[in-house]
């Protein structure tokens, strides 16, 4: 009888947990516009003594005709940073991409860009330390609750056309 109760409790908890995870909705990554987000990237770059490597922000009005996003692009020492803003003008997602996947200098450049985007997304130093980019690379994704921004920041990893390491930053309400 006790075993049956435990099994039923486990099934109930599993059901409730799956409902809450399944109902998580995508939300904007930042309450900043693309230009403000970029200005914050410049501040972080200056704090890292790397501001000279951050190119100007280029605005591409619409990513594609049916896309709900405007796209902005900047380059930081060879690492591409794509900022996607929703129709309201707020940053919805950011993609950090590095093409030279086996170059140690390129890996260092990408790490700086990942850190800067994490800071600009509103994550604390402790949250950034806990967010495992290595886990994202091995499992495809990692996430952490941003206590200051009140949203779950997720980092998704994928390799684009066997040539570029890409990290996509998105956010969820749970």
N, C-alpha and C. Protein backbone atom coordinates (compact mmCIF):
# COMPACT_ATOMS: atom_id res chain seq x y z
N UNK A 1 0.82 -1.20 0.00
CA UNK A 1 0.00 0.00 0.00
C UNK A 1 0.87 1.27 0.00
N UNK A 2 1.90 1.28 0.83
CA UNK A 2 2.79 2.44 0.87
C UNK A 2 3.50 2.63 -0.47
N UNK A 3 3.85 1.53 -1.09
CA UNK A 3 4.52 1.60 -2.38
C UNK A 3 3.58 2.22 -3.42
N UNK A 4 2.33 1.85 -3.40
CA UNK A 4 1.35 2.42 -4.32
C UNK A 4 1.20 3.91 -4.07
N UNK A 5 1.19 4.33 -2.79
CA UNK A 5 1.09 5.75 -2.46
C UNK A 5 2.29 6.52 -3.00
N UNK A 6 3.48 5.95 -2.86
CA UNK A 6 4.69 6.61 -3.36
C UNK A 6 4.64 6.74 -4.88
N UNK A 7 4.20 5.69 -5.53
CA UNK A 7 4.12 5.72 -6.99
C UNK A 7 3.12 6.78 -7.43
N UNK A 8 1.95 6.83 -6.77
CA UNK A 8 0.95 7.83 -7.12
C UNK A 8 1.46 9.25 -6.84
N UNK A 9 2.16 9.44 -5.73
CA UNK A 9 2.74 10.75 -5.41
C UNK A 9 3.77 11.14 -6.46
N UNK A 10 4.61 10.21 -6.85
CA UNK A 10 5.61 10.47 -7.88
C UNK A 10 4.95 10.86 -9.21
N UNK A 11 3.93 10.11 -9.60
CA UNK A 11 3.22 10.40 -10.85
C UNK A 11 2.55 11.77 -10.81
N UNK A 12 1.94 12.10 -9.67
CA UNK A 12 1.29 13.39 -9.52
C UNK A 12 2.32 14.52 -9.62
N UNK A 13 3.43 14.39 -8.90
CA UNK A 13 4.48 15.42 -8.93
C UNK A 13 5.06 15.56 -10.33
N UNK A 14 5.27 14.45 -11.01
CA UNK A 14 5.78 14.48 -12.37
C UNK A 14 4.82 15.21 -13.29
N UNK A 15 3.53 14.95 -13.12
CA UNK A 15 2.50 15.59 -13.94
C UNK A 15 2.49 17.10 -13.70
N UNK A 16 2.49 17.51 -12.44
CA UNK A 16 2.46 18.93 -12.11
C UNK A 16 3.72 19.62 -12.63
N UNK A 17 4.89 19.00 -12.46
CA UNK A 17 6.13 19.60 -12.94
C UNK A 17 6.11 19.74 -14.46
N UNK A 18 5.64 18.73 -15.15
CA UNK A 18 5.63 18.80 -16.62
C UNK A 18 4.69 19.88 -17.12
N UNK A 19 3.60 20.12 -16.41
CA UNK A 19 2.67 21.19 -16.81
C UNK A 19 3.35 22.54 -16.65
N UNK A 20 4.05 22.77 -15.53
CA UNK A 20 4.68 24.07 -15.32
C UNK A 20 5.81 24.31 -16.30
N UNK A 21 6.57 23.27 -16.65
CA UNK A 21 7.64 23.43 -17.62
C UNK A 21 7.07 23.65 -19.00
N UNK A 22 6.05 22.89 -19.34
CA UNK A 22 5.46 22.99 -20.67
C UNK A 22 4.80 24.34 -20.90
N UNK A 23 4.36 25.01 -19.83
CA UNK A 23 3.66 26.27 -20.01
C UNK A 23 4.59 27.48 -20.01
N UNK A 24 5.89 27.26 -19.93
CA UNK A 24 6.83 28.38 -19.99
C UNK A 24 6.73 29.05 -21.35
N UNK A 25 6.61 30.36 -21.32
CA UNK A 25 6.47 31.15 -22.55
C UNK A 25 7.76 31.92 -22.82
N UNK A 26 8.11 32.02 -24.09
CA UNK A 26 9.25 32.85 -24.47
C UNK A 26 8.92 34.30 -24.18
N UNK A 27 9.87 35.01 -23.61
CA UNK A 27 9.73 36.44 -23.33
C UNK A 27 10.97 37.14 -23.87
N UNK A 28 10.92 38.46 -23.87
CA UNK A 28 12.09 39.19 -24.35
C UNK A 28 13.26 38.97 -23.40
N UNK A 29 14.45 38.95 -23.96
CA UNK A 29 15.66 38.72 -23.18
C UNK A 29 16.01 39.91 -22.30
N UNK A 30 15.72 41.09 -22.79
CA UNK A 30 16.12 42.31 -22.08
C UNK A 30 15.04 43.37 -22.20
N UNK A 31 14.98 44.24 -21.21
CA UNK A 31 14.06 45.37 -21.25
C UNK A 31 14.71 46.56 -21.94
N UNK A 32 15.86 46.34 -22.55
CA UNK A 32 16.56 47.39 -23.28
C UNK A 32 16.29 47.27 -24.78
N UNK A 33 16.39 48.38 -25.46
CA UNK A 33 16.36 48.36 -26.91
C UNK A 33 17.72 47.90 -27.43
N UNK A 34 17.80 47.62 -28.72
CA UNK A 34 19.04 47.12 -29.30
C UNK A 34 20.20 48.10 -29.13
N UNK A 35 19.94 49.38 -29.34
CA UNK A 35 21.01 50.39 -29.22
C UNK A 35 21.51 50.48 -27.78
N UNK A 36 20.60 50.47 -26.81
CA UNK A 36 21.00 50.52 -25.39
C UNK A 36 21.76 49.25 -25.00
N UNK A 37 21.30 48.11 -25.50
CA UNK A 37 21.99 46.84 -25.24
C UNK A 37 23.42 46.92 -25.78
N UNK A 38 23.56 47.45 -26.99
CA UNK A 38 24.88 47.61 -27.61
C UNK A 38 25.75 48.57 -26.79
N UNK A 39 25.17 49.67 -26.30
CA UNK A 39 25.94 50.61 -25.48
C UNK A 39 26.43 49.93 -24.20
N UNK A 40 25.60 49.05 -23.63
CA UNK A 40 26.03 48.30 -22.46
C UNK A 40 27.15 47.31 -22.82
N UNK A 41 27.07 46.71 -24.02
CA UNK A 41 28.17 45.85 -24.49
C UNK A 41 29.47 46.64 -24.54
N UNK A 42 29.39 47.89 -25.02
CA UNK A 42 30.59 48.74 -25.09
C UNK A 42 31.14 49.03 -23.70
N UNK A 43 30.26 49.23 -22.73
CA UNK A 43 30.71 49.49 -21.36
C UNK A 43 31.42 48.26 -20.80
N UNK A 44 30.84 47.08 -21.01
CA UNK A 44 31.48 45.84 -20.54
C UNK A 44 32.81 45.63 -21.26
N UNK A 45 32.84 45.90 -22.56
CA UNK A 45 34.08 45.76 -23.33
C UNK A 45 35.16 46.69 -22.78
N UNK A 46 34.78 47.92 -22.45
CA UNK A 46 35.74 48.87 -21.89
C UNK A 46 36.24 48.39 -20.53
N UNK A 47 35.34 47.81 -19.73
CA UNK A 47 35.75 47.28 -18.43
C UNK A 47 36.74 46.12 -18.59
N UNK A 48 36.60 45.39 -19.69
CA UNK A 48 37.52 44.28 -19.99
C UNK A 48 38.75 44.77 -20.76
N UNK A 49 38.85 46.09 -20.95
CA UNK A 49 39.94 46.70 -21.71
C UNK A 49 39.99 46.17 -23.13
N UNK A 50 38.81 45.96 -23.71
CA UNK A 50 38.71 45.41 -25.06
C UNK A 50 37.80 46.24 -25.95
N UNK A 51 37.57 47.50 -25.59
CA UNK A 51 36.59 48.30 -26.32
C UNK A 51 37.00 48.58 -27.76
N UNK A 52 38.28 48.53 -28.05
CA UNK A 52 38.71 48.85 -29.42
C UNK A 52 38.30 47.76 -30.41
N UNK A 53 38.03 46.55 -29.94
CA UNK A 53 37.68 45.46 -30.84
C UNK A 53 36.21 45.38 -31.18
N UNK A 54 35.36 46.21 -30.56
CA UNK A 54 33.91 46.15 -30.79
C UNK A 54 33.53 47.11 -31.91
N UNK A 55 33.06 46.55 -33.03
CA UNK A 55 32.67 47.36 -34.19
C UNK A 55 31.35 48.09 -33.93
N UNK A 56 31.05 49.03 -34.83
CA UNK A 56 29.78 49.75 -34.75
C UNK A 56 28.61 48.78 -34.95
N UNK A 57 27.45 49.18 -34.47
CA UNK A 57 26.24 48.39 -34.60
C UNK A 57 25.61 48.68 -35.96
N UNK A 58 25.32 47.62 -36.71
CA UNK A 58 24.68 47.74 -38.01
C UNK A 58 23.25 47.24 -37.91
N UNK A 59 22.30 48.06 -38.34
CA UNK A 59 20.88 47.71 -38.26
C UNK A 59 20.41 47.16 -39.60
N UNK A 60 19.85 45.96 -39.58
CA UNK A 60 19.21 45.38 -40.75
C UNK A 60 17.74 45.34 -40.40
N UNK A 61 16.93 46.12 -41.12
CA UNK A 61 15.55 46.37 -40.69
C UNK A 61 14.77 45.13 -40.32
N UNK A 62 14.65 44.18 -41.22
CA UNK A 62 13.87 42.99 -40.92
C UNK A 62 14.71 41.79 -41.30
N UNK A 63 14.80 40.82 -40.38
CA UNK A 63 15.61 39.63 -40.63
C UNK A 63 15.12 38.86 -41.85
N UNK A 64 13.80 38.75 -42.02
CA UNK A 64 13.19 38.16 -43.21
C UNK A 64 11.78 38.72 -43.30
N UNK A 65 11.12 38.63 -44.47
CA UNK A 65 9.79 39.25 -44.62
C UNK A 65 8.75 38.80 -43.60
N UNK A 66 8.80 37.55 -43.17
CA UNK A 66 7.81 37.06 -42.21
C UNK A 66 8.32 37.05 -40.77
N UNK A 67 9.46 37.64 -40.53
CA UNK A 67 10.06 37.63 -39.20
C UNK A 67 9.49 38.75 -38.33
N UNK A 68 9.28 38.47 -37.05
CA UNK A 68 8.81 39.53 -36.14
C UNK A 68 9.97 40.34 -35.54
N UNK A 69 11.19 40.17 -36.07
CA UNK A 69 12.37 40.80 -35.47
C UNK A 69 13.11 41.69 -36.45
N UNK A 70 13.66 42.77 -35.92
CA UNK A 70 14.69 43.53 -36.61
C UNK A 70 16.02 42.95 -36.13
N UNK A 71 17.01 42.96 -37.00
CA UNK A 71 18.30 42.38 -36.63
C UNK A 71 19.38 43.46 -36.64
N UNK A 72 20.24 43.38 -35.65
CA UNK A 72 21.38 44.28 -35.52
C UNK A 72 22.62 43.40 -35.42
N UNK A 73 23.71 43.84 -36.01
CA UNK A 73 24.94 43.04 -36.01
C UNK A 73 26.11 43.90 -35.57
N UNK A 74 26.96 43.33 -34.75
CA UNK A 74 28.25 43.92 -34.43
C UNK A 74 29.28 42.80 -34.41
N UNK A 75 30.53 43.17 -34.55
CA UNK A 75 31.62 42.20 -34.53
C UNK A 75 32.59 42.60 -33.43
N UNK A 76 33.02 41.62 -32.65
CA UNK A 76 33.97 41.87 -31.58
C UNK A 76 35.17 40.96 -31.81
N UNK A 77 36.23 41.50 -32.37
CA UNK A 77 37.45 40.75 -32.67
C UNK A 77 37.16 39.44 -33.38
N UNK A 78 36.31 39.45 -34.37
CA UNK A 78 36.03 38.24 -35.15
C UNK A 78 34.83 37.45 -34.67
N UNK A 79 34.30 37.76 -33.51
CA UNK A 79 33.10 37.09 -33.02
C UNK A 79 31.89 37.94 -33.40
N UNK A 80 30.95 37.32 -34.10
CA UNK A 80 29.74 38.03 -34.53
C UNK A 80 28.71 38.03 -33.40
N UNK A 81 28.08 39.16 -33.17
CA UNK A 81 27.00 39.26 -32.20
C UNK A 81 25.77 39.78 -32.94
N UNK A 82 24.74 38.95 -32.99
CA UNK A 82 23.48 39.29 -33.66
C UNK A 82 22.46 39.61 -32.58
N UNK A 83 21.88 40.78 -32.63
CA UNK A 83 20.87 41.21 -31.66
C UNK A 83 19.54 41.28 -32.40
N UNK A 84 18.54 40.56 -31.89
CA UNK A 84 17.21 40.55 -32.50
C UNK A 84 16.25 41.32 -31.61
N UNK A 85 15.63 42.34 -32.16
CA UNK A 85 14.68 43.16 -31.41
C UNK A 85 13.27 42.89 -31.93
N UNK A 86 12.33 42.79 -30.99
CA UNK A 86 10.93 42.57 -31.38
C UNK A 86 10.33 43.87 -31.92
N UNK A 87 9.08 43.81 -32.33
CA UNK A 87 8.42 44.99 -32.92
C UNK A 87 8.31 46.15 -31.94
N UNK A 88 8.28 45.84 -30.64
CA UNK A 88 8.23 46.90 -29.63
C UNK A 88 9.60 47.55 -29.44
N UNK A 89 10.65 46.95 -30.03
CA UNK A 89 11.99 47.52 -29.97
C UNK A 89 12.89 46.91 -28.91
N UNK A 90 12.39 45.96 -28.13
CA UNK A 90 13.19 45.36 -27.07
C UNK A 90 13.95 44.14 -27.56
N UNK A 91 15.09 43.87 -26.94
CA UNK A 91 15.92 42.74 -27.34
C UNK A 91 15.22 41.44 -26.95
N UNK A 92 14.95 40.59 -27.95
CA UNK A 92 14.28 39.32 -27.72
C UNK A 92 15.25 38.16 -27.63
N UNK A 93 16.30 38.20 -28.43
CA UNK A 93 17.31 37.14 -28.39
C UNK A 93 18.61 37.69 -28.95
N UNK A 94 19.69 37.02 -28.58
CA UNK A 94 21.03 37.40 -29.05
C UNK A 94 21.74 36.12 -29.45
N UNK A 95 22.43 36.17 -30.58
CA UNK A 95 23.24 35.03 -31.03
C UNK A 95 24.69 35.49 -31.08
N UNK A 96 25.57 34.70 -30.45
CA UNK A 96 27.00 34.95 -30.49
C UNK A 96 27.61 33.82 -31.31
N UNK A 97 28.34 34.19 -32.36
CA UNK A 97 28.86 33.20 -33.29
C UNK A 97 30.33 33.42 -33.57
N UNK A 98 31.09 32.34 -33.53
CA UNK A 98 32.51 32.38 -33.85
C UNK A 98 32.83 31.37 -34.93
N UNK A 99 33.53 31.80 -35.95
CA UNK A 99 33.77 30.93 -37.10
C UNK A 99 35.03 30.08 -36.93
N UNK A 100 36.06 30.62 -36.35
CA UNK A 100 37.32 29.87 -36.22
C UNK A 100 37.24 28.97 -34.99
N UNK A 101 36.64 27.80 -35.15
CA UNK A 101 36.29 26.95 -34.00
C UNK A 101 37.50 26.33 -33.31
N UNK A 102 38.64 26.17 -33.97
CA UNK A 102 39.79 25.51 -33.36
C UNK A 102 40.92 26.47 -33.01
N UNK A 103 40.70 27.75 -33.17
CA UNK A 103 41.72 28.76 -32.88
C UNK A 103 41.60 29.20 -31.42
N UNK A 104 42.66 29.02 -30.59
CA UNK A 104 42.59 29.40 -29.18
C UNK A 104 42.25 30.88 -28.97
N UNK A 105 42.75 31.76 -29.84
CA UNK A 105 42.45 33.19 -29.71
C UNK A 105 40.96 33.43 -29.98
N UNK A 106 40.41 32.73 -30.95
CA UNK A 106 38.98 32.88 -31.27
C UNK A 106 38.12 32.38 -30.12
N UNK A 107 38.54 31.32 -29.46
CA UNK A 107 37.79 30.80 -28.31
C UNK A 107 37.79 31.83 -27.18
N UNK A 108 38.93 32.48 -26.96
CA UNK A 108 39.02 33.52 -25.93
C UNK A 108 38.12 34.70 -26.28
N UNK A 109 38.11 35.09 -27.58
CA UNK A 109 37.25 36.19 -28.02
C UNK A 109 35.78 35.86 -27.80
N UNK A 110 35.41 34.62 -28.12
CA UNK A 110 34.01 34.22 -27.94
C UNK A 110 33.65 34.20 -26.45
N UNK A 111 34.55 33.75 -25.61
CA UNK A 111 34.28 33.72 -24.16
C UNK A 111 34.03 35.13 -23.64
N UNK A 112 34.80 36.10 -24.11
CA UNK A 112 34.58 37.50 -23.69
C UNK A 112 33.20 37.98 -24.15
N UNK A 113 32.84 37.65 -25.38
CA UNK A 113 31.54 38.07 -25.91
C UNK A 113 30.39 37.40 -25.15
N UNK A 114 30.53 36.11 -24.82
CA UNK A 114 29.50 35.41 -24.04
C UNK A 114 29.33 36.06 -22.67
N UNK A 115 30.46 36.39 -22.03
CA UNK A 115 30.39 37.05 -20.73
C UNK A 115 29.68 38.40 -20.85
N UNK A 116 30.05 39.18 -21.86
CA UNK A 116 29.46 40.52 -22.02
C UNK A 116 27.96 40.43 -22.28
N UNK A 117 27.53 39.50 -23.12
CA UNK A 117 26.10 39.35 -23.40
C UNK A 117 25.37 38.89 -22.13
N UNK A 118 25.99 38.02 -21.35
CA UNK A 118 25.39 37.57 -20.09
C UNK A 118 25.18 38.74 -19.13
N UNK A 119 26.20 39.60 -19.02
CA UNK A 119 26.09 40.77 -18.16
C UNK A 119 24.99 41.70 -18.67
N UNK A 120 24.97 41.96 -19.96
CA UNK A 120 23.97 42.86 -20.54
C UNK A 120 22.56 42.28 -20.48
N UNK A 121 22.46 40.96 -20.33
CA UNK A 121 21.15 40.32 -20.19
C UNK A 121 20.62 40.43 -18.77
N UNK A 122 21.43 40.98 -17.87
CA UNK A 122 20.99 41.23 -16.52
C UNK A 122 21.36 40.16 -15.51
N UNK A 123 22.19 39.20 -15.90
CA UNK A 123 22.59 38.15 -14.97
C UNK A 123 23.65 38.67 -14.01
N UNK A 124 23.62 38.18 -12.77
CA UNK A 124 24.62 38.56 -11.78
C UNK A 124 25.89 37.75 -12.02
N UNK A 125 26.97 38.17 -11.36
CA UNK A 125 28.25 37.45 -11.47
C UNK A 125 28.09 35.99 -11.05
N UNK A 126 27.36 35.75 -9.97
CA UNK A 126 27.15 34.38 -9.49
C UNK A 126 26.33 33.57 -10.49
N UNK A 127 25.31 34.18 -11.09
CA UNK A 127 24.48 33.48 -12.08
C UNK A 127 25.29 33.15 -13.34
N UNK A 128 26.16 34.08 -13.73
CA UNK A 128 27.00 33.82 -14.89
C UNK A 128 27.96 32.67 -14.61
N UNK A 129 28.51 32.64 -13.39
CA UNK A 129 29.40 31.54 -13.02
C UNK A 129 28.67 30.21 -13.00
N UNK A 130 27.41 30.22 -12.59
CA UNK A 130 26.63 28.98 -12.52
C UNK A 130 26.13 28.52 -13.89
N UNK A 131 25.96 29.45 -14.81
CA UNK A 131 25.48 29.10 -16.15
C UNK A 131 26.62 28.42 -16.90
N UNK A 132 26.44 27.18 -17.20
CA UNK A 132 27.53 26.39 -17.77
C UNK A 132 27.46 26.37 -19.29
N UNK A 133 28.39 27.09 -19.92
CA UNK A 133 28.46 27.07 -21.39
C UNK A 133 28.97 25.71 -21.86
N UNK A 134 29.79 25.04 -21.03
CA UNK A 134 30.25 23.69 -21.38
C UNK A 134 29.06 22.73 -21.42
N UNK A 135 28.14 22.88 -20.46
CA UNK A 135 26.93 22.04 -20.48
C UNK A 135 26.10 22.33 -21.73
N UNK A 136 25.99 23.60 -22.08
CA UNK A 136 25.24 23.96 -23.29
C UNK A 136 25.87 23.30 -24.51
N UNK A 137 27.20 23.26 -24.55
CA UNK A 137 27.86 22.65 -25.69
C UNK A 137 27.66 21.14 -25.73
N UNK A 138 27.61 20.50 -24.57
CA UNK A 138 27.48 19.04 -24.55
C UNK A 138 26.03 18.57 -24.66
N UNK A 139 25.09 19.33 -24.12
CA UNK A 139 23.69 18.90 -24.12
C UNK A 139 22.82 19.71 -25.08
N UNK A 140 23.34 20.83 -25.56
CA UNK A 140 22.56 21.66 -26.48
C UNK A 140 21.96 22.88 -25.80
N UNK A 141 21.85 22.88 -24.46
CA UNK A 141 21.26 24.03 -23.78
C UNK A 141 21.59 24.04 -22.30
N UNK A 142 21.56 25.22 -21.72
CA UNK A 142 21.70 25.41 -20.28
C UNK A 142 20.90 26.66 -19.94
N UNK A 143 20.40 26.74 -18.71
CA UNK A 143 19.62 27.92 -18.33
C UNK A 143 19.77 28.20 -16.85
N UNK A 144 19.41 29.42 -16.49
CA UNK A 144 19.43 29.83 -15.08
C UNK A 144 18.39 30.93 -14.89
N UNK A 145 17.80 30.97 -13.70
CA UNK A 145 16.84 32.02 -13.37
C UNK A 145 17.61 33.29 -13.06
N UNK A 146 17.31 34.37 -13.76
CA UNK A 146 17.93 35.66 -13.51
C UNK A 146 17.17 36.40 -12.43
N UNK A 147 17.74 36.50 -11.24
CA UNK A 147 17.03 37.09 -10.11
C UNK A 147 16.76 38.58 -10.31
N UNK A 148 17.63 39.28 -11.01
CA UNK A 148 17.43 40.72 -11.24
C UNK A 148 16.43 41.00 -12.35
N UNK A 149 16.34 40.10 -13.32
CA UNK A 149 15.49 40.34 -14.49
C UNK A 149 14.19 39.55 -14.44
N UNK A 150 14.07 38.67 -13.46
CA UNK A 150 12.85 37.88 -13.24
C UNK A 150 12.43 37.09 -14.47
N UNK A 151 13.40 36.40 -15.04
CA UNK A 151 13.13 35.52 -16.17
C UNK A 151 14.24 34.47 -16.25
N UNK A 152 13.93 33.36 -16.88
CA UNK A 152 14.92 32.30 -17.08
C UNK A 152 15.69 32.61 -18.35
N UNK A 153 16.99 32.77 -18.21
CA UNK A 153 17.85 33.02 -19.37
C UNK A 153 18.43 31.67 -19.80
N UNK A 154 18.18 31.33 -21.04
CA UNK A 154 18.65 30.06 -21.58
C UNK A 154 19.69 30.33 -22.66
N UNK A 155 20.70 29.49 -22.68
CA UNK A 155 21.73 29.55 -23.71
C UNK A 155 21.65 28.24 -24.48
N UNK A 156 21.40 28.35 -25.76
CA UNK A 156 21.30 27.17 -26.62
C UNK A 156 22.53 27.15 -27.52
N UNK A 157 23.13 25.98 -27.66
CA UNK A 157 24.34 25.85 -28.48
C UNK A 157 24.03 25.03 -29.72
N UNK A 158 24.55 25.47 -30.83
CA UNK A 158 24.46 24.69 -32.06
C UNK A 158 25.65 25.04 -32.96
N UNK A 159 25.94 24.15 -33.87
CA UNK A 159 27.01 24.38 -34.84
C UNK A 159 26.34 24.66 -36.18
N UNK A 160 26.66 25.79 -36.75
CA UNK A 160 26.04 26.21 -38.01
C UNK A 160 26.88 25.73 -39.19
N UNK A 161 26.29 24.91 -40.01
CA UNK A 161 26.90 24.38 -41.23
C UNK A 161 28.32 23.84 -41.00
N UNK A 162 28.52 23.17 -39.89
CA UNK A 162 29.82 22.56 -39.53
C UNK A 162 30.98 23.54 -39.53
N UNK A 163 30.69 24.83 -39.39
CA UNK A 163 31.75 25.82 -39.46
C UNK A 163 31.76 26.80 -38.30
N UNK A 164 30.64 27.06 -37.69
CA UNK A 164 30.57 28.12 -36.69
C UNK A 164 29.92 27.63 -35.41
N UNK A 165 30.56 27.92 -34.28
CA UNK A 165 29.95 27.68 -32.97
C UNK A 165 29.00 28.84 -32.71
N UNK A 166 27.75 28.52 -32.38
CA UNK A 166 26.75 29.55 -32.12
C UNK A 166 26.10 29.33 -30.76
N UNK A 167 25.99 30.40 -30.01
CA UNK A 167 25.28 30.40 -28.73
C UNK A 167 24.12 31.37 -28.86
N UNK A 168 22.90 30.87 -28.65
CA UNK A 168 21.71 31.72 -28.74
C UNK A 168 21.18 31.96 -27.33
N UNK A 169 21.05 33.23 -26.96
CA UNK A 169 20.50 33.63 -25.67
C UNK A 169 19.02 33.94 -25.87
N UNK A 170 18.16 33.27 -25.11
CA UNK A 170 16.73 33.52 -25.13
C UNK A 170 16.24 33.56 -23.69
N UNK A 171 14.99 33.95 -23.48
CA UNK A 171 14.46 34.03 -22.12
C UNK A 171 13.06 33.45 -22.06
N UNK A 172 12.72 32.92 -20.88
CA UNK A 172 11.40 32.34 -20.62
C UNK A 172 10.87 32.90 -19.32
N UNK A 173 9.56 32.86 -19.17
CA UNK A 173 8.94 33.41 -17.96
C UNK A 173 9.01 32.48 -16.76
N UNK A 174 9.46 31.24 -16.94
CA UNK A 174 9.59 30.30 -15.81
C UNK A 174 10.90 29.59 -15.85
